C-alpha atoms as a PDB file:
ATOM      1  CA  MET A   1      -9.754  37.679  -9.195  1.00  0.00           C
ATOM      2  CA  THR A   2      -6.264  39.147  -9.068  1.00  0.00           C
ATOM      3  CA  ASP A   3      -3.015  38.107 -10.710  1.00  0.00           C
ATOM      4  CA  GLU A   4      -1.136  38.046  -7.436  1.00  0.00           C
ATOM      5  CA  PRO A   5      -1.944  38.468  -3.748  1.00  0.00           C
ATOM      6  CA  SER A   6      -1.227  41.710  -1.973  1.00  0.00           C
ATOM      7  CA  GLY A   7       2.115  42.275  -0.305  1.00  0.00           C
ATOM      8  CA  LEU A   8       0.412  41.805   3.052  1.00  0.00           C
ATOM      9  CA  SER A   9      -1.022  38.451   1.970  1.00  0.00           C
ATOM     10  CA  ALA A  10       2.392  37.317   0.717  1.00  0.00           C
ATOM     11  CA  GLU A  11       3.914  38.331   4.022  1.00  0.00           C
ATOM     12  CA  MET A  12       1.211  36.436   5.925  1.00  0.00           C
ATOM     13  CA  PHE A  13       1.787  33.363   3.758  1.00  0.00           C
ATOM     14  CA  GLU A  14       5.500  33.388   4.543  1.00  0.00           C
ATOM     15  CA  ALA A  15       4.635  33.666   8.235  1.00  0.00           C
ATOM     16  CA  GLN A  16       2.532  30.490   7.852  1.00  0.00           C
ATOM     17  CA  ARG A  17       4.945  28.552   5.619  1.00  0.00           C
ATOM     18  CA  ASP A  18       6.758  26.598   8.363  1.00  0.00           C
ATOM     19  CA  ARG A  19       3.478  25.558  10.007  1.00  0.00           C
ATOM     20  CA  LEU A  20       1.960  24.543   6.677  1.00  0.00           C
ATOM     21  CA  ARG A  21       5.067  22.522   5.837  1.00  0.00           C
ATOM     22  CA  ALA A  22       4.821  20.781   9.212  1.00  0.00           C
ATOM     23  CA  VAL A  23       1.148  19.911   8.563  1.00  0.00           C
ATOM     24  CA  ALA A  24       1.951  18.518   5.109  1.00  0.00           C
ATOM     25  CA  TYR A  25       4.982  16.562   6.356  1.00  0.00           C
ATOM     26  CA  ARG A  26       3.014  14.897   9.138  1.00  0.00           C
ATOM     27  CA  MET A  27       0.389  13.966   6.599  1.00  0.00           C
ATOM     28  CA  LEU A  28       2.748  12.750   3.875  1.00  0.00           C
ATOM     29  CA  GLY A  29       6.031  11.743   5.531  1.00  0.00           C
ATOM     30  CA  SER A  30       8.038  13.236   2.657  1.00  0.00           C
ATOM     31  CA  HIS A  31       9.892  16.558   2.671  1.00  0.00           C
ATOM     32  CA  ALA A  32       9.654  16.898  -1.111  1.00  0.00           C
ATOM     33  CA  ASP A  33       5.918  16.160  -1.183  1.00  0.00           C
ATOM     34  CA  ALA A  34       5.296  18.521   1.733  1.00  0.00           C
ATOM     35  CA  GLU A  35       7.141  21.323  -0.044  1.00  0.00           C
ATOM     36  CA  ASP A  36       5.204  20.653  -3.257  1.00  0.00           C
ATOM     37  CA  VAL A  37       1.887  20.841  -1.392  1.00  0.00           C
ATOM     38  CA  VAL A  38       2.820  24.117   0.304  1.00  0.00           C
ATOM     39  CA  GLN A  39       3.915  25.572  -3.034  1.00  0.00           C
ATOM     40  CA  GLU A  40       0.610  24.528  -4.599  1.00  0.00           C
ATOM     41  CA  ALA A  41      -1.220  26.259  -1.731  1.00  0.00           C
ATOM     42  CA  TRP A  42       0.697  29.441  -2.594  1.00  0.00           C
ATOM     43  CA  ILE A  43      -0.281  29.117  -6.274  1.00  0.00           C
ATOM     44  CA  ARG A  44      -3.931  28.734  -5.306  1.00  0.00           C
ATOM     45  CA  LEU A  45      -3.681  31.805  -3.097  1.00  0.00           C
ATOM     46  CA  VAL A  46      -2.284  33.767  -6.029  1.00  0.00           C
ATOM     47  CA  ARG A  47      -5.423  32.856  -8.000  1.00  0.00           C
ATOM     48  CA  GLN A  48      -7.743  34.056  -5.235  1.00  0.00           C
ATOM     49  CA  ASP A  49      -8.970  37.452  -4.217  1.00  0.00           C
ATOM     50  CA  ALA A  50      -7.095  37.462  -0.929  1.00  0.00           C
ATOM     51  CA  THR A  51      -9.205  40.323   0.412  1.00  0.00           C
ATOM     52  CA  ALA A  52     -12.233  37.986   0.375  1.00  0.00           C
ATOM     53  CA  ILE A  53     -10.544  35.491   2.722  1.00  0.00           C
ATOM     54  CA  ASP A  54     -11.503  36.250   6.326  1.00  0.00           C
ATOM     55  CA  ASN A  55      -9.103  33.782   7.951  1.00  0.00           C
ATOM     56  CA  LEU A  56      -6.031  33.297   5.770  1.00  0.00           C
ATOM     57  CA  ALA A  57      -4.326  30.863   8.164  1.00  0.00           C
ATOM     58  CA  GLY A  58      -7.430  28.684   8.293  1.00  0.00           C
ATOM     59  CA  TRP A  59      -7.920  28.887   4.526  1.00  0.00           C
ATOM     60  CA  LEU A  60      -4.328  27.805   3.890  1.00  0.00           C
ATOM     61  CA  THR A  61      -4.579  24.948   6.393  1.00  0.00           C
ATOM     62  CA  THR A  62      -7.717  23.720   4.629  1.00  0.00           C
ATOM     63  CA  VAL A  63      -6.022  23.857   1.220  1.00  0.00           C
ATOM     64  CA  VAL A  64      -2.916  22.023   2.479  1.00  0.00           C
ATOM     65  CA  GLY A  65      -5.117  19.454   4.206  1.00  0.00           C
ATOM     66  CA  ARG A  66      -7.140  18.769   1.054  1.00  0.00           C
ATOM     67  CA  LEU A  67      -4.055  18.535  -1.152  1.00  0.00           C
ATOM     68  CA  SER A  68      -2.379  16.165   1.311  1.00  0.00           C
ATOM     69  CA  LEU A  69      -5.513  14.032   1.581  1.00  0.00           C
ATOM     70  CA  ASP A  70      -5.751  13.773  -2.212  1.00  0.00           C
ATOM     71  CA  LEU A  71      -2.115  12.667  -2.423  1.00  0.00           C
ATOM     72  CA  LEU A  72      -2.546  10.064   0.333  1.00  0.00           C
ATOM     73  CA  ARG A  73      -5.604   8.646  -1.425  1.00  0.00           C
ATOM     74  CA  SER A  74      -3.715   8.595  -4.720  1.00  0.00           C
ATOM     75  CA  ARG A  75      -0.950   6.581  -3.080  1.00  0.00           C
ATOM     76  CA  ARG A  76      -3.464   3.969  -1.939  1.00  0.00           C
ATOM     77  CA  ALA A  77      -5.068   3.854  -5.377  1.00  0.00           C
ATOM     78  CA  HIS A  78      -1.679   3.402  -7.069  1.00  0.00           C
ATOM     79  CA  PRO A  79       0.482   1.194  -4.817  1.00  0.00           C
ATOM     80  CA  GLU A  80       4.101   0.398  -5.576  1.00  0.00           C
ATOM     81  CA  SER A  81       4.577   3.919  -6.911  1.00  0.00           C
ATOM     82  CA  GLU A  82       7.302   6.444  -6.216  1.00  0.00           C
ATOM     83  CA  TYR A  83       6.605   9.775  -4.576  1.00  0.00           C
ATOM     84  CA  GLY A  84       8.648  12.845  -3.931  1.00  0.00           C
ATOM     85  CA  LEU A  85      11.203  12.085  -6.645  1.00  0.00           C
ATOM     86  CA  GLU A  86      10.987  15.529  -8.228  1.00  0.00           C
ATOM     87  CA  VAL A  87      13.765  17.913  -7.269  1.00  0.00           C
ATOM     88  CA  THR A  88      12.080  20.922  -5.689  1.00  0.00           C
ATOM     89  CA  PRO A  89      13.557  24.224  -6.919  1.00  0.00           C
ATOM     90  CA  ALA A  90      13.473  27.435  -4.896  1.00  0.00           C
ATOM     91  CA  GLY A  91      11.886  27.114  -1.471  1.00  0.00           C
ATOM     92  CA  GLU A  92      13.314  23.695  -0.562  1.00  0.00           C
ATOM     93  CA  PRO A  93      14.077  23.571   3.186  1.00  0.00           C
ATOM     94  CA  GLU A  94      17.664  24.210   4.131  1.00  0.00           C
ATOM     95  CA  PRO A  95      19.526  21.251   5.684  1.00  0.00           C
ATOM     96  CA  ASP A  96      19.064  22.590   9.202  1.00  0.00           C
ATOM     97  CA  GLU A  97      15.314  22.998   8.586  1.00  0.00           C
ATOM     98  CA  GLN A  98      15.108  19.443   7.284  1.00  0.00           C
ATOM     99  CA  ALA A  99      16.911  18.198  10.382  1.00  0.00           C
ATOM    100  CA  MET A 100      14.460  20.107  12.564  1.00  0.00           C
ATOM    101  CA  LEU A 101      11.485  18.562  10.764  1.00  0.00           C
ATOM    102  CA  ALA A 102      13.039  15.100  10.989  1.00  0.00           C
ATOM    103  CA  ASP A 103      13.534  15.546  14.726  1.00  0.00           C
ATOM    104  CA  ALA A 104       9.949  16.737  15.183  1.00  0.00           C
ATOM    105  CA  VAL A 105       8.504  13.782  13.285  1.00  0.00           C
ATOM    106  CA  GLY A 106      10.783  10.800  13.723  1.00  0.00           C
ATOM    107  CA  VAL A 107      10.654   7.455  11.990  1.00  0.00           C
ATOM    108  CA  ALA A 108       8.841   5.937  14.965  1.00  0.00           C
ATOM    109  CA  LEU A 109       5.944   8.403  14.725  1.00  0.00           C
ATOM    110  CA  LEU A 110       5.745   8.248  10.948  1.00  0.00           C
ATOM    111  CA  VAL A 111       5.449   4.472  10.970  1.00  0.00           C
ATOM    112  CA  VAL A 112       2.513   4.749  13.379  1.00  0.00           C
ATOM    113  CA  LEU A 113       0.836   7.416  11.233  1.00  0.00           C
ATOM    114  CA  ASP A 114       1.335   5.182   8.189  1.00  0.00           C
ATOM    115  CA  SER A 115      -0.942   2.604   9.826  1.00  0.00           C
ATOM    116  CA  LEU A 116      -3.911   5.030   9.635  1.00  0.00           C
ATOM    117  CA  THR A 117      -6.270   5.512   6.703  1.00  0.00           C
ATOM    118  CA  PRO A 118      -5.955   8.871   4.888  1.00  0.00           C
ATOM    119  CA  SER A 119      -9.113  10.223   6.563  1.00  0.00           C
ATOM    120  CA  GLU A 120      -8.011   9.030  10.005  1.00  0.00           C
ATOM    121  CA  ARG A 121      -4.581  10.547   9.513  1.00  0.00           C
ATOM    122  CA  LEU A 122      -6.016  13.910   8.469  1.00  0.00           C
ATOM    123  CA  ALA A 123      -8.435  14.043  11.410  1.00  0.00           C
ATOM    124  CA  PHE A 124      -5.759  12.999  13.896  1.00  0.00           C
ATOM    125  CA  VAL A 125      -2.977  15.247  12.611  1.00  0.00           C
ATOM    126  CA  LEU A 126      -5.086  18.375  12.165  1.00  0.00           C
ATOM    127  CA  HIS A 127      -6.996  18.057  15.436  1.00  0.00           C
ATOM    128  CA  ASP A 128      -4.594  16.426  17.889  1.00  0.00           C
ATOM    129  CA  THR A 129      -1.421  18.082  16.631  1.00  0.00           C
ATOM    130  CA  PHE A 130      -2.551  21.430  15.248  1.00  0.00           C
ATOM    131  CA  GLY A 131      -5.828  22.014  17.109  1.00  0.00           C
ATOM    132  CA  VAL A 132      -8.046  22.455  14.046  1.00  0.00           C
ATOM    133  CA  PRO A 133     -11.746  22.186  15.038  1.00  0.00           C
ATOM    134  CA  PHE A 134     -13.632  19.066  13.943  1.00  0.00           C
ATOM    135  CA  GLN A 135     -16.139  21.150  12.013  1.00  0.00           C
ATOM    136  CA  GLU A 136     -13.376  22.562   9.786  1.00  0.00           C
ATOM    137  CA  ILE A 137     -11.768  19.147   9.318  1.00  0.00           C
ATOM    138  CA  GLY A 138     -15.174  17.728   8.432  1.00  0.00           C
ATOM    139  CA  GLN A 139     -15.497  20.272   5.631  1.00  0.00           C
ATOM    140  CA  ILE A 140     -12.266  18.923   4.121  1.00  0.00           C
ATOM    141  CA  LEU A 141     -13.455  15.316   4.435  1.00  0.00           C
ATOM    142  CA  GLY A 142     -17.056  15.984   3.435  1.00  0.00           C
ATOM    143  CA  LYS A 143     -18.265  14.633   6.777  1.00  0.00           C
ATOM    144  CA  SER A 144     -20.111  15.981   9.798  1.00  0.00           C
ATOM    145  CA  ALA A 145     -18.223  17.201  12.845  1.00  0.00           C
ATOM    146  CA  ASP A 146     -19.435  14.157  14.819  1.00  0.00           C
ATOM    147  CA  ALA A 147     -18.282  11.729  12.127  1.00  0.00           C
ATOM    148  CA  THR A 148     -14.912  13.488  11.980  1.00  0.00           C
ATOM    149  CA  LYS A 149     -14.601  13.284  15.742  1.00  0.00           C
ATOM    150  CA  MET A 150     -15.178   9.528  15.525  1.00  0.00           C
ATOM    151  CA  LEU A 151     -12.443   9.240  12.872  1.00  0.00           C
ATOM    152  CA  ALA A 152      -9.994  11.076  15.117  1.00  0.00           C
ATOM    153  CA  SER A 153     -10.987   8.906  18.066  1.00  0.00           C
ATOM    154  CA  ARG A 154     -10.411   5.731  16.044  1.00  0.00           C
ATOM    155  CA  ALA A 155      -7.042   7.043  14.883  1.00  0.00           C
ATOM    156  CA  ARG A 156      -6.120   7.915  18.454  1.00  0.00           C
ATOM    157  CA  ARG A 157      -6.881   4.360  19.581  1.00  0.00           C
ATOM    158  CA  LYS A 158      -4.695   2.958  16.815  1.00  0.00           C
ATOM    159  CA  VAL A 159      -1.852   5.293  17.718  1.00  0.00           C
ATOM    160  CA  ARG A 160      -2.107   4.345  21.382  1.00  0.00           C
ATOM    161  CA  ALA A 161      -2.238   0.656  20.473  1.00  0.00           C
ATOM    162  CA  THR A 162       1.082   0.955  18.641  1.00  0.00           C
ATOM    163  CA  ASP A 163       2.646   3.564  20.941  1.00  0.00           C
ATOM    164  CA  ARG A 164       5.157   1.971  23.292  1.00  0.00           C
ATOM    165  CA  PRO A 165       7.485   4.777  24.473  1.00  0.00           C
ATOM    166  CA  VAL A 166       9.047   2.609  27.164  1.00  0.00           C
ATOM    167  CA  GLY A 167       9.604  -0.355  24.893  1.00  0.00           C
ATOM    168  CA  PRO A 168       7.573  -2.875  22.940  1.00  0.00           C
ATOM    169  CA  GLY A 169       5.796  -5.689  24.732  1.00  0.00           C
ATOM    170  CA  ARG A 170       6.518  -9.336  24.119  1.00  0.00           C
ATOM    171  CA  GLU A 171       3.664  -9.549  21.614  1.00  0.00           C
ATOM    172  CA  HIS A 172       5.225  -6.780  19.498  1.00  0.00           C
ATOM    173  CA  GLN A 173       8.614  -8.467  19.650  1.00  0.00           C
ATOM    174  CA  ARG A 174       7.077 -11.834  18.764  1.00  0.00           C
ATOM    175  CA  VAL A 175       5.295 -10.444  15.696  1.00  0.00           C
ATOM    176  CA  VAL A 176       8.397  -8.663  14.396  1.00  0.00           C
ATOM    177  CA  ALA A 177      10.523 -11.762  15.047  1.00  0.00           C
ATOM    178  CA  ALA A 178       7.987 -13.865  13.125  1.00  0.00           C
ATOM    179  CA  PHE A 179       8.172 -11.447  10.198  1.00  0.00           C
ATOM    180  CA  ARG A 180      11.973 -11.641  10.167  1.00  0.00           C
ATOM    181  CA  ALA A 181      11.964 -15.459  10.320  1.00  0.00           C
ATOM    182  CA  ALA A 182       9.420 -15.696   7.491  1.00  0.00           C
ATOM    183  CA  ALA A 183      11.400 -13.248   5.333  1.00  0.00           C
ATOM    184  CA  LEU A 184      14.630 -15.185   5.921  1.00  0.00           C
ATOM    185  CA  ALA A 185      12.916 -18.459   5.010  1.00  0.00           C
ATOM    186  CA  GLY A 186      11.139 -16.942   2.009  1.00  0.00           C
ATOM    187  CA  ASP A 187       7.880 -18.281   3.461  1.00  0.00           C
ATOM    188  CA  PHE A 188       5.175 -16.350   1.618  1.00  0.00           C
ATOM    189  CA  GLU A 189       2.239 -17.846   3.566  1.00  0.00           C
ATOM    190  CA  ALA A 190       3.897 -17.109   6.913  1.00  0.00           C
ATOM    191  CA  LEU A 191       4.482 -13.520   5.822  1.00  0.00           C
ATOM    192  CA  LEU A 192       0.810 -13.135   4.926  1.00  0.00           C
ATOM    193  CA  ARG A 193      -0.191 -14.417   8.374  1.00  0.00           C
ATOM    194  CA  VAL A 194       1.887 -11.801  10.175  1.00  0.00           C
ATOM    195  CA  LEU A 195       0.968  -8.829   7.932  1.00  0.00           C
ATOM    196  CA  ASP A 196      -2.226  -6.798   8.190  1.00  0.00           C
ATOM    197  CA  PRO A 197      -4.174  -7.056   4.886  1.00  0.00           C
ATOM    198  CA  ASN A 198      -3.788  -3.280   4.419  1.00  0.00           C
ATOM    199  CA  VAL A 199      -0.188  -3.044   5.625  1.00  0.00           C
ATOM    200  CA  LYS A 200       1.687  -0.023   4.291  1.00  0.00           C
ATOM    201  CA  LEU A 201       5.384  -0.213   3.431  1.00  0.00           C
ATOM    202  CA  THR A 202       7.215   3.107   3.088  1.00  0.00           C
ATOM    203  CA  VAL A 203      10.807   3.208   1.860  1.00  0.00           C
ATOM    204  CA  ASP A 204      12.496   6.566   2.521  1.00  0.00           C
ATOM    205  CA  THR A 205      15.388   6.910   0.046  1.00  0.00           C
ATOM    206  CA  PRO A 206      17.680   9.848  -0.843  1.00  0.00           C
ATOM    207  CA  ASP A 207      15.613  10.347  -4.028  1.00  0.00           C
ATOM    208  CA  GLY A 208      12.150  10.205  -2.497  1.00  0.00           C
ATOM    209  CA  VAL A 209       9.573   7.937  -0.931  1.00  0.00           C
ATOM    210  CA  ILE A 210       8.411   4.592  -2.363  1.00  0.00           C
ATOM    211  CA  VAL A 211       5.075   3.317  -1.048  1.00  0.00           C
ATOM    212  CA  THR A 212       3.652  -0.214  -1.275  1.00  0.00           C
ATOM    213  CA  ILE A 213       0.235  -1.122   0.158  1.00  0.00           C
ATOM    214  CA  GLY A 214      -1.264  -4.562   0.747  1.00  0.00           C
ATOM    215  CA  ALA A 215      -0.083  -7.780   2.397  1.00  0.00           C
ATOM    216  CA  THR A 216       0.403  -9.658  -0.873  1.00  0.00           C
ATOM    217  CA  GLU A 217       2.647  -6.986  -2.398  1.00  0.00           C
ATOM    218  CA  VAL A 218       4.644  -6.403   0.800  1.00  0.00           C
ATOM    219  CA  ALA A 219       5.084 -10.146   1.394  1.00  0.00           C
ATOM    220  CA  ALA A 220       6.324 -10.646  -2.167  1.00  0.00           C
ATOM    221  CA  GLY A 221       8.918  -7.928  -1.703  1.00  0.00           C
ATOM    222  CA  ALA A 222      10.002  -9.258   1.692  1.00  0.00           C
ATOM    223  CA  ARG A 223      10.462 -12.737   0.248  1.00  0.00           C
ATOM    224  CA  ARG A 224      12.532 -11.403  -2.660  1.00  0.00           C
ATOM    225  CA  PHE A 225      14.851  -9.489  -0.369  1.00  0.00           C
ATOM    226  CA  GLY A 226      14.980 -12.039   2.422  1.00  0.00           C
ATOM    227  CA  GLY A 227      18.751 -12.295   2.049  1.00  0.00           C
ATOM    228  CA  ASP A 228      19.134  -8.664   3.068  1.00  0.00           C
ATOM    229  CA  VAL A 229      17.240  -9.357   6.286  1.00  0.00           C
ATOM    230  CA  ALA A 230      20.046 -11.660   7.436  1.00  0.00           C
ATOM    231  CA  SER A 231      22.299  -8.618   7.903  1.00  0.00           C
ATOM    232  CA  HIS A 232      19.779  -6.827  10.141  1.00  0.00           C
ATOM    233  CA  ARG A 233      20.032  -6.761  13.911  1.00  0.00           C
ATOM    234  CA  PRO A 234      17.106  -6.081  16.277  1.00  0.00           C
ATOM    235  CA  VAL A 235      16.938  -2.653  17.935  1.00  0.00           C
ATOM    236  CA  LEU A 236      14.378  -0.250  19.312  1.00  0.00           C
ATOM    237  CA  LEU A 237      13.395   2.727  17.176  1.00  0.00           C
ATOM    238  CA  GLY A 238      11.731   5.304  19.381  1.00  0.00           C
ATOM    239  CA  GLY A 239      10.753   2.507  21.757  1.00  0.00           C
ATOM    240  CA  ARG A 240       9.275   0.307  19.016  1.00  0.00           C
ATOM    241  CA  PRO A 241      10.657  -2.903  17.516  1.00  0.00           C
ATOM    242  CA  GLY A 242      12.892  -2.490  14.522  1.00  0.00           C
ATOM    243  CA  HIS A 243      16.082  -3.532  12.786  1.00  0.00           C
ATOM    244  CA  VAL A 244      19.229  -1.865  11.526  1.00  0.00           C
ATOM    245  CA  SER A 245      21.828  -2.971   9.033  1.00  0.00           C
ATOM    246  CA  LEU A 246      25.354  -1.798   9.854  1.00  0.00           C
ATOM    247  CA  ARG A 247      28.402  -0.968   7.802  1.00  0.00           C
ATOM    248  CA  ALA A 248      31.815  -2.337   8.760  1.00  0.00           C
ATOM    249  CA  ASP A 249      32.523   0.837  10.771  1.00  0.00           C
ATOM    250  CA  GLY A 250      29.344   0.358  12.815  1.00  0.00           C
ATOM    251  CA  THR A 251      27.313   3.161  11.237  1.00  0.00           C
ATOM    252  CA  PRO A 252      23.763   2.277  10.077  1.00  0.00           C
ATOM    253  CA  LEU A 253      23.235   1.438   6.410  1.00  0.00           C
ATOM    254  CA  SER A 254      19.459   1.145   6.784  1.00  0.00           C
ATOM    255  CA  ALA A 255      16.839   1.151   9.537  1.00  0.00           C
ATOM    256  CA  VAL A 256      13.459  -0.561   9.628  1.00  0.00           C
ATOM    257  CA  ALA A 257      10.651   0.356  12.049  1.00  0.00           C
ATOM    258  CA  PHE A 258       7.405  -1.554  12.549  1.00  0.00           C
ATOM    259  CA  ALA A 259       3.936  -0.607  13.787  1.00  0.00           C
ATOM    260  CA  VAL A 260       2.112  -3.604  15.262  1.00  0.00           C
ATOM    261  CA  ALA A 261      -1.635  -3.591  15.933  1.00  0.00           C
ATOM    262  CA  GLU A 262      -3.924  -6.458  16.930  1.00  0.00           C
ATOM    263  CA  GLY A 263      -1.186  -9.043  16.516  1.00  0.00           C
ATOM    264  CA  ARG A 264      -0.187  -8.058  12.982  1.00  0.00           C
ATOM    265  CA  ILE A 265       2.223  -5.629  11.353  1.00  0.00           C
ATOM    266  CA  ALA A 266       0.199  -2.616  10.225  1.00  0.00           C
ATOM    267  CA  ALA A 267       3.030  -0.488   8.823  1.00  0.00           C
ATOM    268  CA  ILE A 268       6.709  -0.761   7.992  1.00  0.00           C
ATOM    269  CA  HIS A 269       9.022   2.198   7.440  1.00  0.00           C
ATOM    270  CA  ILE A 270      12.439   1.564   5.884  1.00  0.00           C
ATOM    271  CA  LEU A 271      14.967   4.376   6.055  1.00  0.00           C
ATOM    272  CA  THR A 272      17.910   4.333   3.629  1.00  0.00           C
ATOM    273  CA  ASP A 273      18.516   8.077   3.304  1.00  0.00           C
ATOM    274  CA  PRO A 274      22.110   8.623   4.584  1.00  0.00           C
ATOM    275  CA  ALA A 275      21.311  12.134   5.803  1.00  0.00           C
ATOM    276  CA  ARG A 276      18.512  10.932   8.077  1.00  0.00           C
ATOM    277  CA  LEU A 277      20.379   7.787   9.102  1.00  0.00           C
ATOM    278  CA  ALA A 278      23.277   9.951  10.235  1.00  0.00           C
ATOM    279  CA  ALA A 279      20.907  11.725  12.628  1.00  0.00           C
ATOM    280  CA  LEU A 280      20.054   8.467  14.438  1.00  0.00           C
ATOM    281  CA  HIS A 281      21.683   8.180  17.861  1.00  0.00           C
ATOM    282  CA  TRP A 282      23.118   4.696  17.750  1.00  0.00           C
ATOM    283  CA  ALA A 283      23.820   2.793  20.954  1.00  0.00           C
ATOM    284  CA  ALA A 284      25.544  -0.587  20.850  1.00  0.00           C
ATOM    285  CA  PRO A 285      23.372  -3.442  22.157  1.00  0.00           C
ATOM    286  CA  GLY A 286      23.916  -4.372  25.757  1.00  0.00           C
ATOM    287  CA  PRO A 287      24.096  -7.903  27.121  1.00  0.00           C
ATOM    288  CA  ALA A 288      20.495  -7.777  28.366  1.00  0.00           C
ATOM    289  CA  GLY A 289      18.750  -6.817  25.152  1.00  0.00           C
ATOM    290  CA  PRO A 290      18.688  -4.845  21.945  1.00  0.00           C
ATOM    291  CA  GLY A 291      20.301  -1.494  21.450  1.00  0.00           C
ATOM    292  CA  THR A 292      18.309   1.691  21.174  1.00  0.00           C
ATOM    293  CA  VAL A 293      18.140   4.041  18.243  1.00  0.00           C
ATOM    294  CA  PRO A 294      15.951   7.033  19.111  1.00  0.00           C
ATOM    295  CA  ALA A 295      13.960   8.074  16.063  1.00  0.00           C
END
């Protein structure tokens, strides 16, 4: 074992950094968490004999995948926790890099990915987005290549079920409208009926990401903040049903996107980070329907 990797290995790591950050961000939906995972991958490389690693890019992808999977599972085991609140020192993406990552993975896609289980998300992201073979993904998950392929296939079906690039169907609109009405009325039972039992709520704030999992917890929060819902107006976020709350000057104060599957809300993503809200392209609603906010 060596105290630090060779100069060549360090150079190769830097060449992989942007890709590794993209993998971690698609897995975690948090810039701070993604940067932490990539930094941890670097620390683990430092502790290795880099000359014994045949495929450094593959090794790093595996490490980032495992770290991301562990963090996703930890979030599910400890709901209503805050993530990404630590201020990352050196190596934090510059503002233009953050904007690029936000554009590549918009709110609409993140809310769909949030509806997947950690294993499904890993299989889908690594294979469908980054082309990692099922056999390698299976090694991360501790599953066979065939079992991993089935996970990715199930994730793909869920993504397609919630993917409405042209606009949500009436069923999607009905479910989101029912959620809004129940939240406004403070109707806990009605909220439970419209939420998937494993619904995931992600709140993206300037300080980090707050995650809540489970219909009971999400319904309780929605009932408590039902008054805030009254200020929301329906829009489309990346072609999916959502809401925005506007300031007096017409700029968005918050945005809410929903993923709907099998007649229930599977994931909710609330965006309150001013930097990311400023990047939303707001269009005033027309007389025929809701406005559009591309995510």
